[in-house]
Amino acid sequence: MLSDNIKKVRVACGMSQREASELLGISSSVYSRYETGNRMPPLDMFEKMADVFGVSCDELLGRNTVTGVVLTEYERDLVEAFRSADMRAREDAARLLSDHPDTGRVK
């Protein structure tokens, strides 16, 4: 359910309802209604929530698993660069990271 997913994402971000409502520019009572399912956020607010929480609209809808991991802007940029790279660049990047001694991964 959308209301449950909104709450899960907010909690994963470590935000209170008040903090989320302030970042979204709405009252805390309106935001609370989104989480209880008593009110459906309009599309523009739904998109703003995804931006504020640093997740995709799919995650808010429950189409992807919400992991509780919040990426920094730098990490999101890296993911986007990886996604737009060709296969060889992806393989090179993955190899570089997995071979790096500071990754803590065992080969």
PDB file of N, CA and C in Angstrom:
ATOM      1  N   MET A   1       0.839  -1.174   0.000  1.00  0.00           N
ATOM      2  CA  MET A   1       0.000   0.000   0.000  1.00  0.00           C
ATOM      3  C   MET A   1       0.891   1.247   0.000  1.00  0.00           C
ATOM      4  N   LEU A   2       0.502   2.250  -0.751  1.00  0.00           N
ATOM      5  CA  LEU A   2       1.298   3.467  -0.910  1.00  0.00           C
ATOM      6  C   LEU A   2       1.619   4.118   0.422  1.00  0.00           C
ATOM      7  N   SER A   3       0.632   4.236   1.299  1.00  0.00           N
ATOM      8  CA  SER A   3       0.865   4.900   2.582  1.00  0.00           C
ATOM      9  C   SER A   3       1.951   4.189   3.390  1.00  0.00           C
ATOM     10  N   ASP A   4       1.944   2.865   3.379  1.00  0.00           N
ATOM     11  CA  ASP A   4       2.968   2.097   4.095  1.00  0.00           C
ATOM     12  C   ASP A   4       4.351   2.327   3.487  1.00  0.00           C
ATOM     13  N   ASN A   5       4.411   2.375   2.163  1.00  0.00           N
ATOM     14  CA  ASN A   5       5.694   2.580   1.493  1.00  0.00           C
ATOM     15  C   ASN A   5       6.257   3.964   1.780  1.00  0.00           C
ATOM     16  N   ILE A   6       5.386   4.971   1.805  1.00  0.00           N
ATOM     17  CA  ILE A   6       5.849   6.326   2.112  1.00  0.00           C
ATOM     18  C   ILE A   6       6.471   6.342   3.503  1.00  0.00           C
ATOM     19  N   LYS A   7       5.819   5.708   4.446  1.00  0.00           N
ATOM     20  CA  LYS A   7       6.346   5.673   5.815  1.00  0.00           C
ATOM     21  C   LYS A   7       7.673   4.914   5.878  1.00  0.00           C
ATOM     22  N   LYS A   8       7.742   3.761   5.211  1.00  0.00           N
ATOM     23  CA  LYS A   8       8.979   2.975   5.218  1.00  0.00           C
ATOM     24  C   LYS A   8      10.158   3.785   4.686  1.00  0.00           C
ATOM     25  N   VAL A   9       9.922   4.501   3.603  1.00  0.00           N
ATOM     26  CA  VAL A   9      11.001   5.286   3.000  1.00  0.00           C
ATOM     27  C   VAL A   9      11.412   6.424   3.928  1.00  0.00           C
ATOM     28  N   ARG A  10      10.436   7.105   4.517  1.00  0.00           N
ATOM     29  CA  ARG A  10      10.750   8.208   5.435  1.00  0.00           C
ATOM     30  C   ARG A  10      11.564   7.698   6.612  1.00  0.00           C
ATOM     31  N   VAL A  11      11.126   6.602   7.210  1.00  0.00           N
ATOM     32  CA  VAL A  11      11.835   6.034   8.355  1.00  0.00           C
ATOM     33  C   VAL A  11      13.247   5.612   7.955  1.00  0.00           C
ATOM     34  N   ALA A  12      13.382   5.022   6.770  1.00  0.00           N
ATOM     35  CA  ALA A  12      14.705   4.612   6.286  1.00  0.00           C
ATOM     36  C   ALA A  12      15.630   5.808   6.122  1.00  0.00           C
ATOM     37  N   CYS A  13      15.052   6.971   5.833  1.00  0.00           N
ATOM     38  CA  CYS A  13      15.847   8.198   5.701  1.00  0.00           C
ATOM     39  C   CYS A  13      16.178   8.816   7.053  1.00  0.00           C
ATOM     40  N   GLY A  14      15.596   8.285   8.114  1.00  0.00           N
ATOM     41  CA  GLY A  14      15.842   8.809   9.443  1.00  0.00           C
ATOM     42  C   GLY A  14      15.145  10.141   9.711  1.00  0.00           C
ATOM     43  N   MET A  15      14.031  10.366   9.036  1.00  0.00           N
ATOM     44  CA  MET A  15      13.293  11.623   9.191  1.00  0.00           C
ATOM     45  C   MET A  15      12.041  11.417  10.027  1.00  0.00           C
ATOM     46  N   SER A  16      11.701  12.463  10.762  1.00  0.00           N
ATOM     47  CA  SER A  16      10.408  12.481  11.441  1.00  0.00           C
ATOM     48  C   SER A  16       9.362  12.962  10.443  1.00  0.00           C
ATOM     49  N   GLN A  17       8.099  12.785  10.787  1.00  0.00           N
ATOM     50  CA  GLN A  17       7.035  13.301   9.928  1.00  0.00           C
ATOM     51  C   GLN A  17       7.148  14.822   9.806  1.00  0.00           C
ATOM     52  N   ARG A  18       7.489  15.473  10.895  1.00  0.00           N
ATOM     53  CA  ARG A  18       7.620  16.932  10.875  1.00  0.00           C
ATOM     54  C   ARG A  18       8.723  17.368   9.912  1.00  0.00           C
ATOM     55  N   GLU A  19       9.879  16.690   9.973  1.00  0.00           N
ATOM     56  CA  GLU A  19      10.981  17.034   9.068  1.00  0.00           C
ATOM     57  C   GLU A  19      10.570  16.827   7.615  1.00  0.00           C
ATOM     58  N   ALA A  20       9.913  15.706   7.355  1.00  0.00           N
ATOM     59  CA  ALA A  20       9.480  15.416   5.986  1.00  0.00           C
ATOM     60  C   ALA A  20       8.494  16.472   5.500  1.00  0.00           C
ATOM     61  N   SER A  21       7.549  16.829   6.340  1.00  0.00           N
ATOM     62  CA  SER A  21       6.545  17.817   5.929  1.00  0.00           C
ATOM     63  C   SER A  21       7.195  19.176   5.668  1.00  0.00           C
ATOM     64  N   GLU A  22       8.183  19.541   6.469  1.00  0.00           N
ATOM     65  CA  GLU A  22       8.872  20.820   6.254  1.00  0.00           C
ATOM     66  C   GLU A  22       9.618  20.817   4.927  1.00  0.00           C
ATOM     67  N   LEU A  23      10.316  19.720   4.627  1.00  0.00           N
ATOM     68  CA  LEU A  23      11.044  19.632   3.362  1.00  0.00           C
ATOM     69  C   LEU A  23      10.106  19.624   2.160  1.00  0.00           C
ATOM     70  N   LEU A  24       8.904  19.097   2.364  1.00  0.00           N
ATOM     71  CA  LEU A  24       7.928  19.031   1.284  1.00  0.00           C
ATOM     72  C   LEU A  24       7.096  20.309   1.167  1.00  0.00           C
ATOM     73  N   GLY A  25       7.208  21.163   2.174  1.00  0.00           N
ATOM     74  CA  GLY A  25       6.468  22.421   2.150  1.00  0.00           C
ATOM     75  C   GLY A  25       4.982  22.258   2.408  1.00  0.00           C
ATOM     76  N   ILE A  26       4.625  21.272   3.238  1.00  0.00           N
ATOM     77  CA  ILE A  26       3.218  21.041   3.579  1.00  0.00           C
ATOM     78  C   ILE A  26       3.099  20.944   5.099  1.00  0.00           C
ATOM     79  N   SER A  27       1.873  21.002   5.586  1.00  0.00           N
ATOM     80  CA  SER A  27       1.675  20.888   7.029  1.00  0.00           C
ATOM     81  C   SER A  27       1.910  19.442   7.471  1.00  0.00           C
ATOM     82  N   SER A  28       2.275  19.289   8.725  1.00  0.00           N
ATOM     83  CA  SER A  28       2.520  17.942   9.233  1.00  0.00           C
ATOM     84  C   SER A  28       1.228  17.125   9.264  1.00  0.00           C
ATOM     85  N   SER A  29       0.077  17.792   9.425  1.00  0.00           N
ATOM     86  CA  SER A  29      -1.185  17.038   9.431  1.00  0.00           C
ATOM     87  C   SER A  29      -1.509  16.482   8.043  1.00  0.00           C
ATOM     88  N   VAL A  30      -1.220  17.255   6.990  1.00  0.00           N
ATOM     89  CA  VAL A  30      -1.439  16.759   5.627  1.00  0.00           C
ATOM     90  C   VAL A  30      -0.501  15.588   5.361  1.00  0.00           C
ATOM     91  N   TYR A  31       0.772  15.746   5.748  1.00  0.00           N
ATOM     92  CA  TYR A  31       1.726  14.662   5.530  1.00  0.00           C
ATOM     93  C   TYR A  31       1.283  13.408   6.283  1.00  0.00           C
ATOM     94  N   SER A  32       0.834  13.568   7.509  1.00  0.00           N
ATOM     95  CA  SER A  32       0.383  12.429   8.307  1.00  0.00           C
ATOM     96  C   SER A  32      -0.743  11.676   7.599  1.00  0.00           C
ATOM     97  N   ARG A  33      -1.627  12.401   6.951  1.00  0.00           N
ATOM     98  CA  ARG A  33      -2.728  11.754   6.222  1.00  0.00           C
ATOM     99  C   ARG A  33      -2.219  10.926   5.045  1.00  0.00           C
ATOM    100  N   TYR A  34      -1.102  11.336   4.440  1.00  0.00           N
ATOM    101  CA  TYR A  34      -0.510  10.532   3.369  1.00  0.00           C
ATOM    102  C   TYR A  34      -0.049   9.185   3.921  1.00  0.00           C
ATOM    103  N   GLU A  35       0.560   9.211   5.117  1.00  0.00           N
ATOM    104  CA  GLU A  35       1.080   7.971   5.705  1.00  0.00           C
ATOM    105  C   GLU A  35      -0.014   7.073   6.266  1.00  0.00           C
ATOM    106  N   THR A  36      -1.135   7.666   6.670  1.00  0.00           N
ATOM    107  CA  THR A  36      -2.224   6.841   7.203  1.00  0.00           C
ATOM    108  C   THR A  36      -3.163   6.351   6.110  1.00  0.00           C
ATOM    109  N   GLY A  37      -2.993   6.884   4.905  1.00  0.00           N
ATOM    110  CA  GLY A  37      -3.843   6.482   3.803  1.00  0.00           C
ATOM    111  C   GLY A  37      -5.157   7.239   3.748  1.00  0.00           C
ATOM    112  N   ASN A  38      -5.310   8.260   4.590  1.00  0.00           N
ATOM    113  CA  ASN A  38      -6.535   9.059   4.594  1.00  0.00           C
ATOM    114  C   ASN A  38      -6.557  10.105   3.493  1.00  0.00           C
ATOM    115  N   ARG A  39      -5.414  10.283   2.849  1.00  0.00           N
ATOM    116  CA  ARG A  39      -5.331  11.257   1.759  1.00  0.00           C
ATOM    117  C   ARG A  39      -4.286  10.762   0.756  1.00  0.00           C
ATOM    118  N   MET A  40      -4.588  10.886  -0.512  1.00  0.00           N
ATOM    119  CA  MET A  40      -3.666  10.476  -1.578  1.00  0.00           C
ATOM    120  C   MET A  40      -2.884  11.719  -2.026  1.00  0.00           C
ATOM    121  N   PRO A  41      -1.552  11.618  -2.050  1.00  0.00           N
ATOM    122  CA  PRO A  41      -0.792  12.780  -2.516  1.00  0.00           C
ATOM    123  C   PRO A  41      -1.015  13.017  -4.007  1.00  0.00           C
ATOM    124  N   PRO A  42      -1.141  14.293  -4.411  1.00  0.00           N
ATOM    125  CA  PRO A  42      -1.237  14.566  -5.848  1.00  0.00           C
ATOM    126  C   PRO A  42       0.077  14.195  -6.532  1.00  0.00           C
ATOM    127  N   LEU A  43       0.036  14.044  -7.825  1.00  0.00           N
ATOM    128  CA  LEU A  43       1.201  13.582  -8.579  1.00  0.00           C
ATOM    129  C   LEU A  43       2.429  14.451  -8.337  1.00  0.00           C
ATOM    130  N   ASP A  44       2.272  15.776  -8.337  1.00  0.00           N
ATOM    131  CA  ASP A  44       3.444  16.641  -8.137  1.00  0.00           C
ATOM    132  C   ASP A  44       4.042  16.450  -6.744  1.00  0.00           C
ATOM    133  N   MET A  45       3.205  16.193  -5.730  1.00  0.00           N
ATOM    134  CA  MET A  45       3.708  15.947  -4.375  1.00  0.00           C
ATOM    135  C   MET A  45       4.376  14.577  -4.311  1.00  0.00           C
ATOM    136  N   PHE A  46       3.811  13.619  -5.002  1.00  0.00           N
ATOM    137  CA  PHE A  46       4.386  12.275  -5.061  1.00  0.00           C
ATOM    138  C   PHE A  46       5.817  12.342  -5.624  1.00  0.00           C
ATOM    139  N   GLU A  47       5.974  13.103  -6.704  1.00  0.00           N
ATOM    140  CA  GLU A  47       7.301  13.271  -7.314  1.00  0.00           C
ATOM    141  C   GLU A  47       8.239  14.003  -6.370  1.00  0.00           C
ATOM    142  N   LYS A  48       7.731  15.007  -5.674  1.00  0.00           N
ATOM    143  CA  LYS A  48       8.556  15.761  -4.720  1.00  0.00           C
ATOM    144  C   LYS A  48       9.002  14.858  -3.571  1.00  0.00           C
ATOM    145  N   MET A  49       8.123  13.983  -3.116  1.00  0.00           N
ATOM    146  CA  MET A  49       8.485  13.029  -2.057  1.00  0.00           C
ATOM    147  C   MET A  49       9.653  12.150  -2.505  1.00  0.00           C
ATOM    148  N   ALA A  50       9.555  11.643  -3.720  1.00  0.00           N
ATOM    149  CA  ALA A  50      10.635  10.799  -4.236  1.00  0.00           C
ATOM    150  C   ALA A  50      11.952  11.567  -4.239  1.00  0.00           C
ATOM    151  N   ASP A  51      11.917  12.831  -4.647  1.00  0.00           N
ATOM    152  CA  ASP A  51      13.134  13.648  -4.659  1.00  0.00           C
ATOM    153  C   ASP A  51      13.656  13.892  -3.252  1.00  0.00           C
ATOM    154  N   VAL A  52      12.774  14.258  -2.337  1.00  0.00           N
ATOM    155  CA  VAL A  52      13.189  14.556  -0.959  1.00  0.00           C
ATOM    156  C   VAL A  52      13.769  13.320  -0.285  1.00  0.00           C
ATOM    157  N   PHE A  53      13.154  12.166  -0.516  1.00  0.00           N
ATOM    158  CA  PHE A  53      13.622  10.936   0.124  1.00  0.00           C
ATOM    159  C   PHE A  53      14.757  10.261  -0.645  1.00  0.00           C
ATOM    160  N   GLY A  54      15.057  10.756  -1.833  1.00  0.00           N
ATOM    161  CA  GLY A  54      16.155  10.190  -2.614  1.00  0.00           C
ATOM    162  C   GLY A  54      15.868   8.803  -3.148  1.00  0.00           C
ATOM    163  N   VAL A  55      14.600   8.563  -3.507  1.00  0.00           N
ATOM    164  CA  VAL A  55      14.211   7.268  -4.060  1.00  0.00           C
ATOM    165  C   VAL A  55      13.462   7.499  -5.364  1.00  0.00           C
ATOM    166  N   SER A  56      13.171   6.426  -6.047  1.00  0.00           N
ATOM    167  CA  SER A  56      12.381   6.530  -7.272  1.00  0.00           C
ATOM    168  C   SER A  56      10.898   6.490  -6.929  1.00  0.00           C
ATOM    169  N   CYS A  57      10.091   6.948  -7.848  1.00  0.00           N
ATOM    170  CA  CYS A  57       8.638   6.835  -7.678  1.00  0.00           C
ATOM    171  C   CYS A  57       8.244   5.364  -7.587  1.00  0.00           C
ATOM    172  N   ASP A  58       8.966   4.501  -8.285  1.00  0.00           N
ATOM    173  CA  ASP A  58       8.692   3.065  -8.199  1.00  0.00           C
ATOM    174  C   ASP A  58       8.847   2.549  -6.773  1.00  0.00           C
ATOM    175  N   GLU A  59       9.868   3.020  -6.081  1.00  0.00           N
ATOM    176  CA  GLU A  59      10.051   2.577  -4.693  1.00  0.00           C
ATOM    177  C   GLU A  59       8.899   3.043  -3.815  1.00  0.00           C
ATOM    178  N   LEU A  60       8.447   4.277  -4.033  1.00  0.00           N
ATOM    179  CA  LEU A  60       7.303   4.750  -3.259  1.00  0.00           C
ATOM    180  C   LEU A  60       6.052   3.921  -3.542  1.00  0.00           C
ATOM    181  N   LEU A  61       5.932   3.445  -4.762  1.00  0.00           N
ATOM    182  CA  LEU A  61       4.784   2.613  -5.126  1.00  0.00           C
ATOM    183  C   LEU A  61       4.930   1.168  -4.662  1.00  0.00           C
ATOM    184  N   GLY A  62       6.135   0.806  -4.217  1.00  0.00           N
ATOM    185  CA  GLY A  62       6.375  -0.557  -3.782  1.00  0.00           C
ATOM    186  C   GLY A  62       6.765  -1.486  -4.906  1.00  0.00           C
ATOM    187  N   ARG A  63       7.138  -0.903  -6.047  1.00  0.00           N
ATOM    188  CA  ARG A  63       7.524  -1.727  -7.197  1.00  0.00           C
ATOM    189  C   ARG A  63       8.952  -2.238  -7.076  1.00  0.00           C
ATOM    190  N   ASN A  64       9.749  -1.610  -6.261  1.00  0.00           N
ATOM    191  CA  ASN A  64      11.109  -2.052  -5.961  1.00  0.00           C
ATOM    192  C   ASN A  64      11.206  -2.224  -4.460  1.00  0.00           C
ATOM    193  N   THR A  65      12.117  -3.034  -4.013  1.00  0.00           N
ATOM    194  CA  THR A  65      12.303  -3.219  -2.586  1.00  0.00           C
ATOM    195  C   THR A  65      12.939  -1.976  -1.989  1.00  0.00           C
ATOM    196  N   VAL A  66      12.384  -1.507  -0.913  1.00  0.00           N
ATOM    197  CA  VAL A  66      12.963  -0.388  -0.177  1.00  0.00           C
ATOM    198  C   VAL A  66      13.979  -0.976   0.784  1.00  0.00           C
ATOM    199  N   THR A  67      15.236  -0.631   0.595  1.00  0.00           N
ATOM    200  CA  THR A  67      16.301  -1.262   1.352  1.00  0.00           C
ATOM    201  C   THR A  67      16.683  -0.520   2.614  1.00  0.00           C
ATOM    202  N   GLY A  68      16.295   0.713   2.742  1.00  0.00           N
ATOM    203  CA  GLY A  68      16.708   1.493   3.898  1.00  0.00           C
ATOM    204  C   GLY A  68      18.035   2.184   3.682  1.00  0.00           C
ATOM    205  N   VAL A  69      18.626   2.002   2.525  1.00  0.00           N
ATOM    206  CA  VAL A  69      19.890   2.643   2.205  1.00  0.00           C
ATOM    207  C   VAL A  69      19.596   3.926   1.448  1.00  0.00           C
ATOM    208  N   VAL A  70      20.089   5.020   1.991  1.00  0.00           N
ATOM    209  CA  VAL A  70      19.897   6.309   1.343  1.00  0.00           C
ATOM    210  C   VAL A  70      21.211   6.694   0.686  1.00  0.00           C
ATOM    211  N   LEU A  71      21.176   6.920  -0.608  1.00  0.00           N
ATOM    212  CA  LEU A  71      22.379   7.282  -1.340  1.00  0.00           C
ATOM    213  C   LEU A  71      22.618   8.778  -1.270  1.00  0.00           C
ATOM    214  N   THR A  72      23.893   9.137  -1.207  1.00  0.00           N
ATOM    215  CA  THR A  72      24.246  10.541  -1.289  1.00  0.00           C
ATOM    216  C   THR A  72      24.084  10.994  -2.735  1.00  0.00           C
ATOM    217  N   GLU A  73      24.128  12.285  -2.962  1.00  0.00           N
ATOM    218  CA  GLU A  73      24.023  12.799  -4.331  1.00  0.00           C
ATOM    219  C   GLU A  73      25.183  12.264  -5.178  1.00  0.00           C
ATOM    220  N   TYR A  74      26.358  12.184  -4.596  1.00  0.00           N
ATOM    221  CA  TYR A  74      27.531  11.661  -5.306  1.00  0.00           C
ATOM    222  C   TYR A  74      27.296  10.209  -5.722  1.00  0.00           C
ATOM    223  N   GLU A  75      26.765   9.408  -4.796  1.00  0.00           N
ATOM    224  CA  GLU A  75      26.496   8.006  -5.106  1.00  0.00           C
ATOM    225  C   GLU A  75      25.424   7.865  -6.185  1.00  0.00           C
ATOM    226  N   ARG A  76      24.392   8.711  -6.118  1.00  0.00           N
ATOM    227  CA  ARG A  76      23.359   8.678  -7.160  1.00  0.00           C
ATOM    228  C   ARG A  76      23.954   9.037  -8.518  1.00  0.00           C
ATOM    229  N   ASP A  77      24.884  10.020  -8.533  1.00  0.00           N
ATOM    230  CA  ASP A  77      25.555  10.390  -9.783  1.00  0.00           C
ATOM    231  C   ASP A  77      26.363   9.214 -10.329  1.00  0.00           C
ATOM    232  N   LEU A  78      27.040   8.478  -9.448  1.00  0.00           N
ATOM    233  CA  LEU A  78      27.812   7.314  -9.880  1.00  0.00           C
ATOM    234  C   LEU A  78      26.903   6.233 -10.466  1.00  0.00           C
ATOM    235  N   VAL A  79      25.789   6.000  -9.821  1.00  0.00           N
ATOM    236  CA  VAL A  79      24.842   4.992 -10.324  1.00  0.00           C
ATOM    237  C   VAL A  79      24.323   5.412 -11.694  1.00  0.00           C
ATOM    238  N   GLU A  80      23.978   6.682 -11.833  1.00  0.00           N
ATOM    239  CA  GLU A  80      23.469   7.171 -13.119  1.00  0.00           C
ATOM    240  C   GLU A  80      24.535   7.046 -14.208  1.00  0.00           C
ATOM    241  N   ALA A  81      25.777   7.383 -13.868  1.00  0.00           N
ATOM    242  CA  ALA A  81      26.868   7.255 -14.842  1.00  0.00           C
ATOM    243  C   ALA A  81      27.062   5.790 -15.233  1.00  0.00           C
ATOM    244  N   PHE A  82      26.980   4.899 -14.251  1.00  0.00           N
ATOM    245  CA  PHE A  82      27.122   3.471 -14.523  1.00  0.00           C
ATOM    246  C   PHE A  82      26.009   2.992 -15.452  1.00  0.00           C
ATOM    247  N   ARG A  83      24.785   3.417 -15.179  1.00  0.00           N
ATOM    248  CA  ARG A  83      23.649   2.994 -15.993  1.00  0.00           C
ATOM    249  C   ARG A  83      23.736   3.495 -17.428  1.00  0.00           C
ATOM    250  N   SER A  84      24.314   4.660 -17.616  1.00  0.00           N
ATOM    251  CA  SER A  84      24.377   5.214 -18.972  1.00  0.00           C
ATOM    252  C   SER A  84      25.639   4.782 -19.727  1.00  0.00           C
ATOM    253  N   ALA A  85      26.550   4.093 -19.055  1.00  0.00           N
ATOM    254  CA  ALA A  85      27.788   3.637 -19.697  1.00  0.00           C
ATOM    255  C   ALA A  85      27.535   2.398 -20.548  1.00  0.00           C
ATOM    256  N   ASP A  86      28.436   2.176 -21.515  1.00  0.00           N
ATOM    257  CA  ASP A  86      28.319   0.949 -22.300  1.00  0.00           C
ATOM    258  C   ASP A  86      28.823  -0.234 -21.468  1.00  0.00           C
ATOM    259  N   MET A  87      28.610  -1.440 -21.950  1.00  0.00           N
ATOM    260  CA  MET A  87      28.921  -2.646 -21.185  1.00  0.00           C
ATOM    261  C   MET A  87      30.401  -2.740 -20.819  1.00  0.00           C
ATOM    262  N   ARG A  88      31.272  -2.356 -21.732  1.00  0.00           N
ATOM    263  CA  ARG A  88      32.709  -2.454 -21.443  1.00  0.00           C
ATOM    264  C   ARG A  88      33.094  -1.510 -20.312  1.00  0.00           C
ATOM    265  N   ALA A  89      32.566  -0.293 -20.326  1.00  0.00           N
ATOM    266  CA  ALA A  89      32.862   0.662 -19.257  1.00  0.00           C
ATOM    267  C   ALA A  89      32.314   0.161 -17.918  1.00  0.00           C
ATOM    268  N   ARG A  90      31.130  -0.464 -17.961  1.00  0.00           N
ATOM    269  CA  ARG A  90      30.558  -1.024 -16.734  1.00  0.00           C
ATOM    270  C   ARG A  90      31.455  -2.126 -16.167  1.00  0.00           C
ATOM    271  N   GLU A  91      31.895  -3.013 -17.051  1.00  0.00           N
ATOM    272  CA  GLU A  91      32.757  -4.111 -16.610  1.00  0.00           C
ATOM    273  C   GLU A  91      34.075  -3.587 -16.054  1.00  0.00           C
ATOM    274  N   ASP A  92      34.659  -2.585 -16.728  1.00  0.00           N
ATOM    275  CA  ASP A  92      35.908  -1.985 -16.245  1.00  0.00           C
ATOM    276  C   ASP A  92      35.725  -1.357 -14.862  1.00  0.00           C
ATOM    277  N   ALA A  93      34.630  -0.632 -14.681  1.00  0.00           N
ATOM    278  CA  ALA A  93      34.370   0.015 -13.390  1.00  0.00           C
ATOM    279  C   ALA A  93      34.169  -1.020 -12.289  1.00  0.00           C
ATOM    280  N   ALA A  94      33.402  -2.051 -12.584  1.00  0.00           N
ATOM    281  CA  ALA A  94      33.164  -3.099 -11.594  1.00  0.00           C
ATOM    282  C   ALA A  94      34.454  -3.809 -11.227  1.00  0.00           C
ATOM    283  N   ARG A  95      35.289  -4.086 -12.224  1.00  0.00           N
ATOM    284  CA  ARG A  95      36.566  -4.755 -11.969  1.00  0.00           C
ATOM    285  C   ARG A  95      37.482  -3.864 -11.128  1.00  0.00           C
ATOM    286  N   LEU A  96      37.537  -2.591 -11.461  1.00  0.00           N
ATOM    287  CA  LEU A  96      38.374  -1.644 -10.719  1.00  0.00           C
ATOM    288  C   LEU A  96      37.964  -1.612  -9.247  1.00  0.00           C
ATOM    289  N   LEU A  97      36.679  -1.551  -8.986  1.00  0.00           N
ATOM    290  CA  LEU A  97      36.213  -1.501  -7.601  1.00  0.00           C
ATOM    291  C   LEU A  97      36.434  -2.816  -6.870  1.00  0.00           C
ATOM    292  N   SER A  98      36.164  -3.926  -7.526  1.00  0.00           N
ATOM    293  CA  SER A  98      36.321  -5.211  -6.837  1.00  0.00           C
ATOM    294  C   SER A  98      37.782  -5.553  -6.587  1.00  0.00           C
ATOM    295  N   ASP A  99      38.681  -5.033  -7.422  1.00  0.00           N
ATOM    296  CA  ASP A  99      40.104  -5.308  -7.237  1.00  0.00           C
ATOM    297  C   ASP A  99      40.778  -4.340  -6.267  1.00  0.00           C
ATOM    298  N   HIS A 100      40.108  -3.280  -5.904  1.00  0.00           N
ATOM    299  CA  HIS A 100      40.711  -2.263  -5.026  1.00  0.00           C
ATOM    300  C   HIS A 100      40.853  -2.817  -3.615  1.00  0.00           C
ATOM    301  N   PRO A 101      42.034  -2.626  -2.983  1.00  0.00           N
ATOM    302  CA  PRO A 101      42.263  -3.214  -1.663  1.00  0.00           C
ATOM    303  C   PRO A 101      41.390  -2.622  -0.548  1.00  0.00           C
ATOM    304  N   ASP A 102      40.850  -1.437  -0.719  1.00  0.00           N
ATOM    305  CA  ASP A 102      40.067  -0.807   0.344  1.00  0.00           C
ATOM    306  C   ASP A 102      38.587  -1.138   0.299  1.00  0.00           C
ATOM    307  N   THR A 103      38.163  -2.003  -0.611  1.00  0.00           N
ATOM    308  CA  THR A 103      36.750  -2.331  -0.698  1.00  0.00           C
ATOM    309  C   THR A 103      36.343  -3.347   0.358  1.00  0.00           C
ATOM    310  N   GLY A 104      37.299  -4.059   0.929  1.00  0.00           N
ATOM    311  CA  GLY A 104      36.989  -5.045   1.927  1.00  0.00           C
ATOM    312  C   GLY A 104      36.392  -6.325   1.368  1.00  0.00           C
ATOM    313  N   ARG A 105      36.408  -6.463   0.052  1.00  0.00           N
ATOM    314  CA  ARG A 105      35.860  -7.665  -0.572  1.00  0.00           C
ATOM    315  C   ARG A 105      36.954  -8.707  -0.714  1.00  0.00           C
ATOM    316  N   VAL A 106      36.577  -9.925  -0.519  1.00  0.00           N
ATOM    317  CA  VAL A 106      37.492 -11.043  -0.688  1.00  0.00           C
ATOM    318  C   VAL A 106      37.360 -11.552  -2.110  1.00  0.00           C
ATOM    319  N   LYS A 107      38.484 -11.739  -2.764  1.00  0.00           N
ATOM    320  CA  LYS A 107      38.459 -12.243  -4.144  1.00  0.00           C
ATOM    321  C   LYS A 107      38.354 -13.737  -4.167  1.00  0.00           C
TER     322      LYS A 107
END
